[in-house]
All heavy atoms as atom14 arrays in JSON, in Angstrom:
{
  "sequence": "YMEHRLLVVYEPERNRYDLSSFFLGHNRSFCQLMEYCASTFEFETKT",
  "atom14_mask": [
    [1, 1, 1, 1, 1, 1, 1, 1, 1, 1, 1, 1, 0, 0],
    [1, 1, 1, 1, 1, 1, 1, 1, 0, 0, 0, 0, 0, 0],
    [1, 1, 1, 1, 1, 1, 1, 1, 1, 0, 0, 0, 0, 0],
    [1, 1, 1, 1, 1, 1, 1, 1, 1, 1, 0, 0, 0, 0],
    [1, 1, 1, 1, 1, 1, 1, 1, 1, 1, 1, 0, 0, 0],
    [1, 1, 1, 1, 1, 1, 1, 1, 0, 0, 0, 0, 0, 0],
    [1, 1, 1, 1, 1, 1, 1, 1, 0, 0, 0, 0, 0, 0],
    [1, 1, 1, 1, 1, 1, 1, 0, 0, 0, 0, 0, 0, 0],
    [1, 1, 1, 1, 1, 1, 1, 0, 0, 0, 0, 0, 0, 0],
    [1, 1, 1, 1, 1, 1, 1, 1, 1, 1, 1, 1, 0, 0],
    [1, 1, 1, 1, 1, 1, 1, 1, 1, 0, 0, 0, 0, 0],
    [1, 1, 1, 1, 1, 1, 1, 0, 0, 0, 0, 0, 0, 0],
    [1, 1, 1, 1, 1, 1, 1, 1, 1, 0, 0, 0, 0, 0],
    [1, 1, 1, 1, 1, 1, 1, 1, 1, 1, 1, 0, 0, 0],
    [1, 1, 1, 1, 1, 1, 1, 1, 0, 0, 0, 0, 0, 0],
    [1, 1, 1, 1, 1, 1, 1, 1, 1, 1, 1, 0, 0, 0],
    [1, 1, 1, 1, 1, 1, 1, 1, 1, 1, 1, 1, 0, 0],
    [1, 1, 1, 1, 1, 1, 1, 1, 0, 0, 0, 0, 0, 0],
    [1, 1, 1, 1, 1, 1, 1, 1, 0, 0, 0, 0, 0, 0],
    [1, 1, 1, 1, 1, 1, 0, 0, 0, 0, 0, 0, 0, 0],
    [1, 1, 1, 1, 1, 1, 0, 0, 0, 0, 0, 0, 0, 0],
    [1, 1, 1, 1, 1, 1, 1, 1, 1, 1, 1, 0, 0, 0],
    [1, 1, 1, 1, 1, 1, 1, 1, 1, 1, 1, 0, 0, 0],
    [1, 1, 1, 1, 1, 1, 1, 1, 0, 0, 0, 0, 0, 0],
    [1, 1, 1, 1, 0, 0, 0, 0, 0, 0, 0, 0, 0, 0],
    [1, 1, 1, 1, 1, 1, 1, 1, 1, 1, 0, 0, 0, 0],
    [1, 1, 1, 1, 1, 1, 1, 1, 0, 0, 0, 0, 0, 0],
    [1, 1, 1, 1, 1, 1, 1, 1, 1, 1, 1, 0, 0, 0],
    [1, 1, 1, 1, 1, 1, 0, 0, 0, 0, 0, 0, 0, 0],
    [1, 1, 1, 1, 1, 1, 1, 1, 1, 1, 1, 0, 0, 0],
    [1, 1, 1, 1, 1, 1, 0, 0, 0, 0, 0, 0, 0, 0],
    [1, 1, 1, 1, 1, 1, 1, 1, 1, 0, 0, 0, 0, 0],
    [1, 1, 1, 1, 1, 1, 1, 1, 0, 0, 0, 0, 0, 0],
    [1, 1, 1, 1, 1, 1, 1, 1, 0, 0, 0, 0, 0, 0],
    [1, 1, 1, 1, 1, 1, 1, 1, 1, 0, 0, 0, 0, 0],
    [1, 1, 1, 1, 1, 1, 1, 1, 1, 1, 1, 1, 0, 0],
    [1, 1, 1, 1, 1, 1, 0, 0, 0, 0, 0, 0, 0, 0],
    [1, 1, 1, 1, 1, 0, 0, 0, 0, 0, 0, 0, 0, 0],
    [1, 1, 1, 1, 1, 1, 0, 0, 0, 0, 0, 0, 0, 0],
    [1, 1, 1, 1, 1, 1, 1, 0, 0, 0, 0, 0, 0, 0],
    [1, 1, 1, 1, 1, 1, 1, 1, 1, 1, 1, 0, 0, 0],
    [1, 1, 1, 1, 1, 1, 1, 1, 1, 0, 0, 0, 0, 0],
    [1, 1, 1, 1, 1, 1, 1, 1, 1, 1, 1, 0, 0, 0],
    [1, 1, 1, 1, 1, 1, 1, 1, 1, 0, 0, 0, 0, 0],
    [1, 1, 1, 1, 1, 1, 1, 0, 0, 0, 0, 0, 0, 0],
    [1, 1, 1, 1, 1, 1, 1, 1, 1, 0, 0, 0, 0, 0],
    [1, 1, 1, 1, 1, 1, 1, 0, 0, 0, 0, 0, 0, 0]
  ],
  "atom14_positions": [
    [[-2.8, 6.45, -5.3], [-3.13, 5.68, -6.5], [-4.29, 4.72, -6.25], [-5.22, 4.63, -7.05], [-1.92, 4.9, -7.01], [-2.22, 4.16, -8.25], [-2.36, 4.82, -9.47], [-2.42, 2.78, -8.24], [-2.69, 4.15, -10.63], [-2.76, 2.1, -9.41], [-2.87, 2.79, -10.6], [-3.2, 2.12, -11.75], [0.0, 0.0, 0.0], [0.0, 0.0, 0.0]],
    [[-4.26, 3.98, -5.15], [-5.25, 2.94, -4.91], [-6.53, 3.45, -4.26], [-7.54, 2.75, -4.26], [-4.64, 1.82, -4.09], [-3.56, 1.06, -4.87], [-2.77, -0.24, -3.91], [-4.13, -1.4, -3.69], [0.0, 0.0, 0.0], [0.0, 0.0, 0.0], [0.0, 0.0, 0.0], [0.0, 0.0, 0.0], [0.0, 0.0, 0.0], [0.0, 0.0, 0.0]],
    [[-6.48, 4.63, -3.66], [-7.63, 5.26, -3.02], [-8.36, 4.32, -2.05], [-7.74, 3.75, -1.17], [-8.56, 5.82, -4.1], [-7.92, 6.88, -4.96], [-8.79, 7.38, -6.08], [-9.71, 6.62, -6.52], [-8.59, 8.51, -6.52], [0.0, 0.0, 0.0], [0.0, 0.0, 0.0], [0.0, 0.0, 0.0], [0.0, 0.0, 0.0], [0.0, 0.0, 0.0]],
    [[-9.66, 4.15, -2.22], [-10.5, 3.36, -1.3], [-10.19, 1.86, -1.31], [-10.64, 1.15, -0.43], [-11.98, 3.62, -1.58], [-12.37, 3.15, -2.96], [-12.17, 3.92, -4.06], [-12.93, 2.0, -3.38], [-12.6, 3.27, -5.14], [-13.06, 2.08, -4.73], [0.0, 0.0, 0.0], [0.0, 0.0, 0.0], [0.0, 0.0, 0.0], [0.0, 0.0, 0.0]],
    [[-9.44, 1.4, -2.29], [-9.14, -0.05, -2.38], [-8.07, -0.47, -1.4], [-7.85, -1.65, -1.18], [-8.73, -0.39, -3.81], [-9.83, -0.2, -4.82], [-9.29, -0.32, -6.2], [-8.35, 0.8, -6.41], [-8.18, 1.4, -7.59], [-8.84, 1.05, -8.63], [-7.33, 2.4, -7.7], [0.0, 0.0, 0.0], [0.0, 0.0, 0.0], [0.0, 0.0, 0.0]],
    [[-7.35, 0.51, -0.83], [-6.22, 0.22, 0.05], [-6.57, 0.6, 1.49], [-6.98, 1.71, 1.77], [-4.98, 1.01, -0.4], [-3.72, 0.81, 0.44], [-3.23, -0.63, 0.33], [-2.64, 1.78, -0.05], [0.0, 0.0, 0.0], [0.0, 0.0, 0.0], [0.0, 0.0, 0.0], [0.0, 0.0, 0.0], [0.0, 0.0, 0.0], [0.0, 0.0, 0.0]],
    [[-6.39, -0.36, 2.38], [-6.53, -0.11, 3.82], [-5.12, 0.03, 4.4], [-4.29, -0.88, 4.24], [-7.26, -1.27, 4.5], [-7.41, -1.18, 6.02], [-8.16, 0.07, 6.45], [-8.09, -2.43, 6.54], [0.0, 0.0, 0.0], [0.0, 0.0, 0.0], [0.0, 0.0, 0.0], [0.0, 0.0, 0.0], [0.0, 0.0, 0.0], [0.0, 0.0, 0.0]],
    [[-4.85, 1.17, 5.05], [-3.54, 1.4, 5.64], [-3.71, 1.62, 7.14], [-4.5, 2.46, 7.56], [-2.83, 2.63, 5.02], [-1.47, 2.84, 5.68], [-2.69, 2.47, 3.52], [0.0, 0.0, 0.0], [0.0, 0.0, 0.0], [0.0, 0.0, 0.0], [0.0, 0.0, 0.0], [0.0, 0.0, 0.0], [0.0, 0.0, 0.0], [0.0, 0.0, 0.0]],
    [[-2.97, 0.82, 7.9], [-3.01, 0.92, 9.35], [-1.58, 1.15, 9.82], [-0.65, 0.52, 9.32], [-3.57, -0.38, 9.98], [-3.45, -0.35, 11.49], [-5.02, -0.58, 9.54], [0.0, 0.0, 0.0], [0.0, 0.0, 0.0], [0.0, 0.0, 0.0], [0.0, 0.0, 0.0], [0.0, 0.0, 0.0], [0.0, 0.0, 0.0], [0.0, 0.0, 0.0]],
    [[-1.42, 2.07, 10.78], [-0.12, 2.3, 11.4], [-0.17, 1.72, 12.81], [-1.12, 1.97, 13.55], [0.19, 3.8, 11.43], [1.46, 4.1, 12.22], [2.71, 3.66, 11.74], [1.41, 4.79, 13.41], [3.87, 3.91, 12.46], [2.57, 5.03, 14.13], [3.8, 4.6, 13.65], [4.92, 4.85, 14.36], [0.0, 0.0, 0.0], [0.0, 0.0, 0.0]],
    [[0.85, 0.96, 13.16], [0.98, 0.38, 14.49], [2.11, 1.07, 15.22], [3.26, 0.74, 15.02], [1.29, -1.12, 14.41], [0.19, -1.94, 13.72], [0.6, -3.38, 13.61], [0.8, -4.04, 14.66], [0.73, -3.86, 12.47], [0.0, 0.0, 0.0], [0.0, 0.0, 0.0], [0.0, 0.0, 0.0], [0.0, 0.0, 0.0], [0.0, 0.0, 0.0]],
    [[1.79, 2.1, 16.07], [2.84, 2.87, 16.75], [3.76, 2.0, 17.62], [4.97, 2.23, 17.64], [2.08, 3.86, 17.62], [0.69, 3.85, 17.14], [0.45, 2.56, 16.42], [0.0, 0.0, 0.0], [0.0, 0.0, 0.0], [0.0, 0.0, 0.0], [0.0, 0.0, 0.0], [0.0, 0.0, 0.0], [0.0, 0.0, 0.0], [0.0, 0.0, 0.0]],
    [[3.19, 1.04, 18.3], [4.01, 0.22, 19.19], [5.1, -0.56, 18.44], [6.22, -0.74, 18.95], [3.12, -0.77, 19.95], [3.83, -1.5, 21.06], [2.88, -2.32, 21.9], [1.96, -1.73, 22.5], [3.06, -3.54, 21.96], [0.0, 0.0, 0.0], [0.0, 0.0, 0.0], [0.0, 0.0, 0.0], [0.0, 0.0, 0.0], [0.0, 0.0, 0.0]],
    [[4.79, -1.0, 17.25], [5.75, -1.74, 16.41], [6.42, -0.86, 15.37], [7.27, -1.34, 14.61], [5.07, -2.9, 15.73], [4.58, -3.96, 16.68], [3.93, -5.07, 15.95], [3.53, -6.13, 16.87], [2.64, -7.03, 16.58], [2.05, -7.05, 15.41], [2.32, -7.96, 17.48], [0.0, 0.0, 0.0], [0.0, 0.0, 0.0], [0.0, 0.0, 0.0]],
    [[5.98, 0.4, 15.28], [6.5, 1.36, 14.3], [6.47, 0.77, 12.9], [7.49, 0.7, 12.21], [7.9, 1.83, 14.66], [8.3, 3.01, 13.81], [7.5, 3.88, 13.51], [9.58, 3.06, 13.44], [0.0, 0.0, 0.0], [0.0, 0.0, 0.0], [0.0, 0.0, 0.0], [0.0, 0.0, 0.0], [0.0, 0.0, 0.0], [0.0, 0.0, 0.0]],
    [[5.27, 0.34, 12.49], [5.16, -0.24, 11.15], [3.8, 0.07, 10.54], [2.84, 0.37, 11.22], [5.41, -1.73, 11.17], [4.31, -2.55, 11.77], [4.64, -4.03, 11.71], [3.53, -4.83, 12.11], [3.6, -6.12, 12.32], [4.72, -6.76, 12.14], [2.53, -6.79, 12.68], [0.0, 0.0, 0.0], [0.0, 0.0, 0.0], [0.0, 0.0, 0.0]],
    [[3.8, -0.03, 9.21], [2.56, 0.13, 8.43], [2.07, -1.24, 8.0], [2.89, -2.12, 7.7], [2.82, 0.94, 7.15], [3.25, 2.35, 7.4], [4.55, 2.76, 7.14], [2.34, 3.31, 7.85], [4.95, 4.07, 7.33], [2.74, 4.64, 8.06], [4.04, 4.99, 7.79], [4.43, 6.29, 7.97], [0.0, 0.0, 0.0], [0.0, 0.0, 0.0]],
    [[0.78, -1.4, 7.92], [0.16, -2.6, 7.39], [-0.71, -2.13, 6.23], [-1.67, -1.39, 6.42], [-0.68, -3.29, 8.47], [-1.23, -4.61, 7.99], [-1.5, -4.78, 6.8], [-1.42, -5.49, 8.84], [0.0, 0.0, 0.0], [0.0, 0.0, 0.0], [0.0, 0.0, 0.0], [0.0, 0.0, 0.0], [0.0, 0.0, 0.0], [0.0, 0.0, 0.0]],
    [[-0.37, -2.54, 5.02], [-1.13, -2.2, 3.82], [-1.87, -3.46, 3.42], [-1.28, -4.51, 3.23], [-0.2, -1.77, 2.68], [0.46, -0.41, 2.8], [1.45, -0.35, 3.94], [1.12, -0.05, 1.51], [0.0, 0.0, 0.0], [0.0, 0.0, 0.0], [0.0, 0.0, 0.0], [0.0, 0.0, 0.0], [0.0, 0.0, 0.0], [0.0, 0.0, 0.0]],
    [[-3.19, -3.34, 3.26], [-3.97, -4.52, 2.89], [-5.07, -4.15, 1.93], [-5.46, -2.99, 1.8], [-4.54, -5.22, 4.12], [-5.41, -4.38, 4.82], [0.0, 0.0, 0.0], [0.0, 0.0, 0.0], [0.0, 0.0, 0.0], [0.0, 0.0, 0.0], [0.0, 0.0, 0.0], [0.0, 0.0, 0.0], [0.0, 0.0, 0.0], [0.0, 0.0, 0.0]],
    [[-5.59, -5.17, 1.3], [-6.71, -5.02, 0.41], [-7.94, -4.66, 1.26], [-8.26, -5.38, 2.2], [-6.95, -6.32, -0.34], [-8.18, -6.3, -1.03], [0.0, 0.0, 0.0], [0.0, 0.0, 0.0], [0.0, 0.0, 0.0], [0.0, 0.0, 0.0], [0.0, 0.0, 0.0], [0.0, 0.0, 0.0], [0.0, 0.0, 0.0], [0.0, 0.0, 0.0]],
    [[-8.58, -3.56, 0.96], [-9.76, -3.18, 1.73], [-10.9, -4.16, 1.45], [-11.65, -4.55, 2.35], [-10.23, -1.75, 1.42], [-11.4, -1.32, 2.26], [-11.23, -0.94, 3.57], [-12.68, -1.35, 1.74], [-12.3, -0.58, 4.36], [-13.77, -0.99, 2.53], [-13.57, -0.6, 3.84], [0.0, 0.0, 0.0], [0.0, 0.0, 0.0], [0.0, 0.0, 0.0]],
    [[-11.04, -4.57, 0.21], [-12.13, -5.45, -0.16], [-11.69, -6.91, -0.01], [-10.6, -7.28, -0.45], [-12.61, -5.19, -1.58], [-13.16, -3.81, -1.73], [-12.48, -2.86, -2.48], [-14.36, -3.44, -1.13], [-12.99, -1.58, -2.62], [-14.86, -2.16, -1.28], [-14.17, -1.22, -2.01], [0.0, 0.0, 0.0], [0.0, 0.0, 0.0], [0.0, 0.0, 0.0]],
    [[-12.52, -7.7, 0.6], [-12.21, -9.12, 0.83], [-12.25, -9.88, -0.49], [-13.11, -9.66, -1.32], [-13.21, -9.71, 1.82], [-13.34, -8.95, 3.12], [-14.35, -9.65, 4.03], [-12.03, -8.81, 3.84], [0.0, 0.0, 0.0], [0.0, 0.0, 0.0], [0.0, 0.0, 0.0], [0.0, 0.0, 0.0], [0.0, 0.0, 0.0], [0.0, 0.0, 0.0]],
    [[-11.28, -10.75, -0.66], [-11.25, -11.58, -1.86], [-10.7, -10.87, -3.09], [-10.76, -11.41, -4.18], [0.0, 0.0, 0.0], [0.0, 0.0, 0.0], [0.0, 0.0, 0.0], [0.0, 0.0, 0.0], [0.0, 0.0, 0.0], [0.0, 0.0, 0.0], [0.0, 0.0, 0.0], [0.0, 0.0, 0.0], [0.0, 0.0, 0.0], [0.0, 0.0, 0.0]],
    [[-10.16, -9.66, -2.95], [-9.58, -8.94, -4.08], [-8.06, -9.06, -4.07], [-7.35, -8.1, -4.37], [-10.0, -7.47, -4.02], [-11.43, -7.25, -4.36], [-11.86, -6.26, -5.2], [-12.56, -7.9, -3.97], [-13.17, -6.29, -5.34], [-13.62, -7.28, -4.56], [0.0, 0.0, 0.0], [0.0, 0.0, 0.0], [0.0, 0.0, 0.0], [0.0, 0.0, 0.0]],
    [[-7.59, -10.23, -3.73], [-6.16, -10.41, -3.52], [-5.33, -10.21, -4.8], [-4.3, -9.57, -4.76], [-5.88, -11.79, -2.95], [-6.54, -11.98, -1.61], [-6.91, -11.0, -0.97], [-6.75, -13.21, -1.2], [0.0, 0.0, 0.0], [0.0, 0.0, 0.0], [0.0, 0.0, 0.0], [0.0, 0.0, 0.0], [0.0, 0.0, 0.0], [0.0, 0.0, 0.0]],
    [[-5.78, -10.78, -5.91], [-5.0, -10.64, -7.16], [-4.9, -9.19, -7.57], [-3.81, -8.71, -7.91], [-5.61, -11.49, -8.26], [-4.83, -11.31, -9.58], [-5.16, -12.35, -10.6], [-4.48, -13.58, -10.2], [-5.08, -14.76, -10.1], [-6.34, -14.89, -10.4], [-4.4, -15.82, -9.72], [0.0, 0.0, 0.0], [0.0, 0.0, 0.0], [0.0, 0.0, 0.0]],
    [[-6.01, -8.45, -7.53], [-5.94, -7.06, -7.95], [-5.1, -6.25, -6.96], [-4.35, -5.34, -7.38], [-7.33, -6.44, -8.11], [-8.05, -6.43, -6.87], [0.0, 0.0, 0.0], [0.0, 0.0, 0.0], [0.0, 0.0, 0.0], [0.0, 0.0, 0.0], [0.0, 0.0, 0.0], [0.0, 0.0, 0.0], [0.0, 0.0, 0.0], [0.0, 0.0, 0.0]],
    [[-5.14, -6.55, -5.67], [-4.31, -5.87, -4.68], [-2.83, -6.1, -5.05], [-2.06, -5.15, -5.07], [-4.58, -6.41, -3.28], [-3.6, -5.9, -2.24], [-3.73, -4.66, -1.69], [-2.54, -6.69, -1.85], [-2.83, -4.19, -0.74], [-1.61, -6.25, -0.91], [-1.75, -4.99, -0.36], [0.0, 0.0, 0.0], [0.0, 0.0, 0.0], [0.0, 0.0, 0.0]],
    [[-2.47, -7.33, -5.33], [-1.08, -7.65, -5.67], [-0.64, -6.91, -6.93], [0.47, -6.36, -6.98], [-0.91, -9.14, -5.85], [-1.18, -10.08, -4.33], [0.0, 0.0, 0.0], [0.0, 0.0, 0.0], [0.0, 0.0, 0.0], [0.0, 0.0, 0.0], [0.0, 0.0, 0.0], [0.0, 0.0, 0.0], [0.0, 0.0, 0.0], [0.0, 0.0, 0.0]],
    [[-1.5, -6.88, -7.94], [-1.15, -6.19, -9.18], [-1.04, -4.67, -8.95], [-0.11, -4.04, -9.45], [-2.21, -6.48, -10.24], [-2.18, -7.92, -10.69], [-3.4, -8.33, -11.53], [-4.41, -7.62, -11.56], [-3.29, -9.45, -12.21], [0.0, 0.0, 0.0], [0.0, 0.0, 0.0], [0.0, 0.0, 0.0], [0.0, 0.0, 0.0], [0.0, 0.0, 0.0]],
    [[-1.95, -4.12, -8.2], [-1.89, -2.66, -7.91], [-0.68, -2.31, -7.06], [-0.02, -1.28, -7.29], [-3.17, -2.2, -7.24], [-4.42, -2.2, -8.12], [-5.68, -2.05, -7.28], [-4.32, -1.11, -9.16], [0.0, 0.0, 0.0], [0.0, 0.0, 0.0], [0.0, 0.0, 0.0], [0.0, 0.0, 0.0], [0.0, 0.0, 0.0], [0.0, 0.0, 0.0]],
    [[-0.34, -3.15, -6.11], [0.85, -2.9, -5.28], [2.11, -2.98, -6.12], [3.04, -2.18, -5.96], [0.93, -3.87, -4.1], [-0.09, -3.64, -3.01], [-0.06, -1.96, -2.31], [1.56, -1.89, -1.6], [0.0, 0.0, 0.0], [0.0, 0.0, 0.0], [0.0, 0.0, 0.0], [0.0, 0.0, 0.0], [0.0, 0.0, 0.0], [0.0, 0.0, 0.0]],
    [[2.15, -3.92, -7.05], [3.33, -4.03, -7.93], [3.44, -2.78, -8.81], [4.54, -2.25, -9.03], [3.28, -5.29, -8.79], [4.57, -5.5, -9.54], [4.76, -6.92, -10.01], [3.98, -7.82, -9.64], [5.72, -7.14, -10.79], [0.0, 0.0, 0.0], [0.0, 0.0, 0.0], [0.0, 0.0, 0.0], [0.0, 0.0, 0.0], [0.0, 0.0, 0.0]],
    [[2.31, -2.28, -9.32], [2.35, -1.04, -10.11], [2.85, 0.12, -9.24], [3.69, 0.91, -9.67], [0.97, -0.72, -10.68], [0.98, 0.59, -11.4], [1.45, 0.68, -12.71], [0.56, 1.76, -10.78], [1.51, 1.9, -13.37], [0.61, 3.0, -11.44], [1.07, 3.04, -12.72], [1.15, 4.24, -13.37], [0.0, 0.0, 0.0], [0.0, 0.0, 0.0]],
    [[2.33, 0.25, -8.04], [2.77, 1.31, -7.14], [4.27, 1.21, -6.84], [4.98, 2.2, -6.86], [1.98, 1.27, -5.82], [0.27, 1.78, -6.0], [0.0, 0.0, 0.0], [0.0, 0.0, 0.0], [0.0, 0.0, 0.0], [0.0, 0.0, 0.0], [0.0, 0.0, 0.0], [0.0, 0.0, 0.0], [0.0, 0.0, 0.0], [0.0, 0.0, 0.0]],
    [[4.75, 0.0, -6.6], [6.18, -0.2, -6.34], [7.03, 0.15, -7.56], [8.08, 0.75, -7.44], [6.43, -1.62, -5.89], [0.0, 0.0, 0.0], [0.0, 0.0, 0.0], [0.0, 0.0, 0.0], [0.0, 0.0, 0.0], [0.0, 0.0, 0.0], [0.0, 0.0, 0.0], [0.0, 0.0, 0.0], [0.0, 0.0, 0.0], [0.0, 0.0, 0.0]],
    [[6.53, -0.2, -8.75], [7.32, 0.05, -9.96], [7.36, 1.55, -10.31], [8.32, 2.01, -10.91], [6.76, -0.75, -11.15], [5.52, -0.24, -11.56], [0.0, 0.0, 0.0], [0.0, 0.0, 0.0], [0.0, 0.0, 0.0], [0.0, 0.0, 0.0], [0.0, 0.0, 0.0], [0.0, 0.0, 0.0], [0.0, 0.0, 0.0], [0.0, 0.0, 0.0]],
    [[6.36, 2.31, -9.92], [6.29, 3.72, -10.27], [6.75, 4.65, -9.14], [6.87, 5.86, -9.34], [4.88, 4.12, -10.72], [3.95, 3.82, -9.66], [4.48, 3.39, -11.99], [0.0, 0.0, 0.0], [0.0, 0.0, 0.0], [0.0, 0.0, 0.0], [0.0, 0.0, 0.0], [0.0, 0.0, 0.0], [0.0, 0.0, 0.0], [0.0, 0.0, 0.0]],
    [[6.99, 4.1, -7.98], [7.42, 4.89, -6.82], [8.84, 5.39, -6.98], [9.74, 4.62, -7.3], [7.31, 4.05, -5.54], [7.86, 4.72, -4.32], [7.24, 5.83, -3.76], [9.0, 4.24, -3.72], [7.76, 6.45, -2.63], [9.54, 4.84, -2.58], [8.91, 5.96, -2.04], [0.0, 0.0, 0.0], [0.0, 0.0, 0.0], [0.0, 0.0, 0.0]],
    [[9.02, 6.65, -6.73], [10.37, 7.27, -6.7], [10.46, 8.09, -5.42], [9.63, 8.95, -5.18], [10.59, 8.19, -7.92], [10.6, 7.45, -9.26], [11.73, 6.45, -9.39], [12.81, 6.69, -8.8], [11.52, 5.44, -10.07], [0.0, 0.0, 0.0], [0.0, 0.0, 0.0], [0.0, 0.0, 0.0], [0.0, 0.0, 0.0], [0.0, 0.0, 0.0]],
    [[11.48, 7.81, -4.64], [11.69, 8.54, -3.4], [12.62, 9.7, -3.68], [13.71, 9.56, -4.19], [12.29, 7.64, -2.32], [12.5, 8.32, -1.01], [11.4, 8.63, -0.21], [13.77, 8.66, -0.57], [11.57, 9.26, 0.99], [13.91, 9.27, 0.65], [12.83, 9.58, 1.43], [0.0, 0.0, 0.0], [0.0, 0.0, 0.0], [0.0, 0.0, 0.0]],
    [[12.11, 10.9, -3.37], [12.91, 12.09, -3.57], [13.46, 12.54, -2.23], [12.68, 12.84, -1.31], [12.03, 13.19, -4.18], [11.54, 12.84, -5.55], [10.66, 13.93, -6.15], [10.77, 15.1, -5.72], [9.87, 13.6, -7.04], [0.0, 0.0, 0.0], [0.0, 0.0, 0.0], [0.0, 0.0, 0.0], [0.0, 0.0, 0.0], [0.0, 0.0, 0.0]],
    [[14.77, 12.57, -2.13], [15.37, 13.06, -0.89], [15.29, 14.58, -0.87], [15.46, 15.25, -1.88], [16.83, 12.61, -0.76], [17.53, 13.0, -1.95], [16.95, 11.13, -0.57], [0.0, 0.0, 0.0], [0.0, 0.0, 0.0], [0.0, 0.0, 0.0], [0.0, 0.0, 0.0], [0.0, 0.0, 0.0], [0.0, 0.0, 0.0], [0.0, 0.0, 0.0]],
    [[14.96, 15.09, 0.3], [14.82, 16.55, 0.46], [16.2, 17.13, 0.7], [16.97, 16.67, 1.53], [13.9, 16.84, 1.64], [12.5, 16.34, 1.4], [11.64, 16.59, 2.59], [10.24, 16.06, 2.3], [9.74, 15.16, 3.28], [0.0, 0.0, 0.0], [0.0, 0.0, 0.0], [0.0, 0.0, 0.0], [0.0, 0.0, 0.0], [0.0, 0.0, 0.0]],
    [[16.48, 18.17, -0.04], [17.74, 18.88, 0.18], [17.44, 20.21, 0.88], [16.46, 20.88, 0.55], [18.47, 19.15, -1.17], [17.6, 19.83, -2.03], [18.92, 17.86, -1.8], [0.0, 0.0, 0.0], [0.0, 0.0, 0.0], [0.0, 0.0, 0.0], [0.0, 0.0, 0.0], [0.0, 0.0, 0.0], [0.0, 0.0, 0.0], [0.0, 0.0, 0.0]]
  ]
}
């Protein structure tokens, strides 16, 4: 959804993802886009 606006880093040692705003100073839009992503996300369990 966010494409180039989202920077995603995986830290293997800590086994975690870090999602951040790729563009500096775009904090409000990052927060709004993340909230949209969270509200529309559906996890489908594989059978």
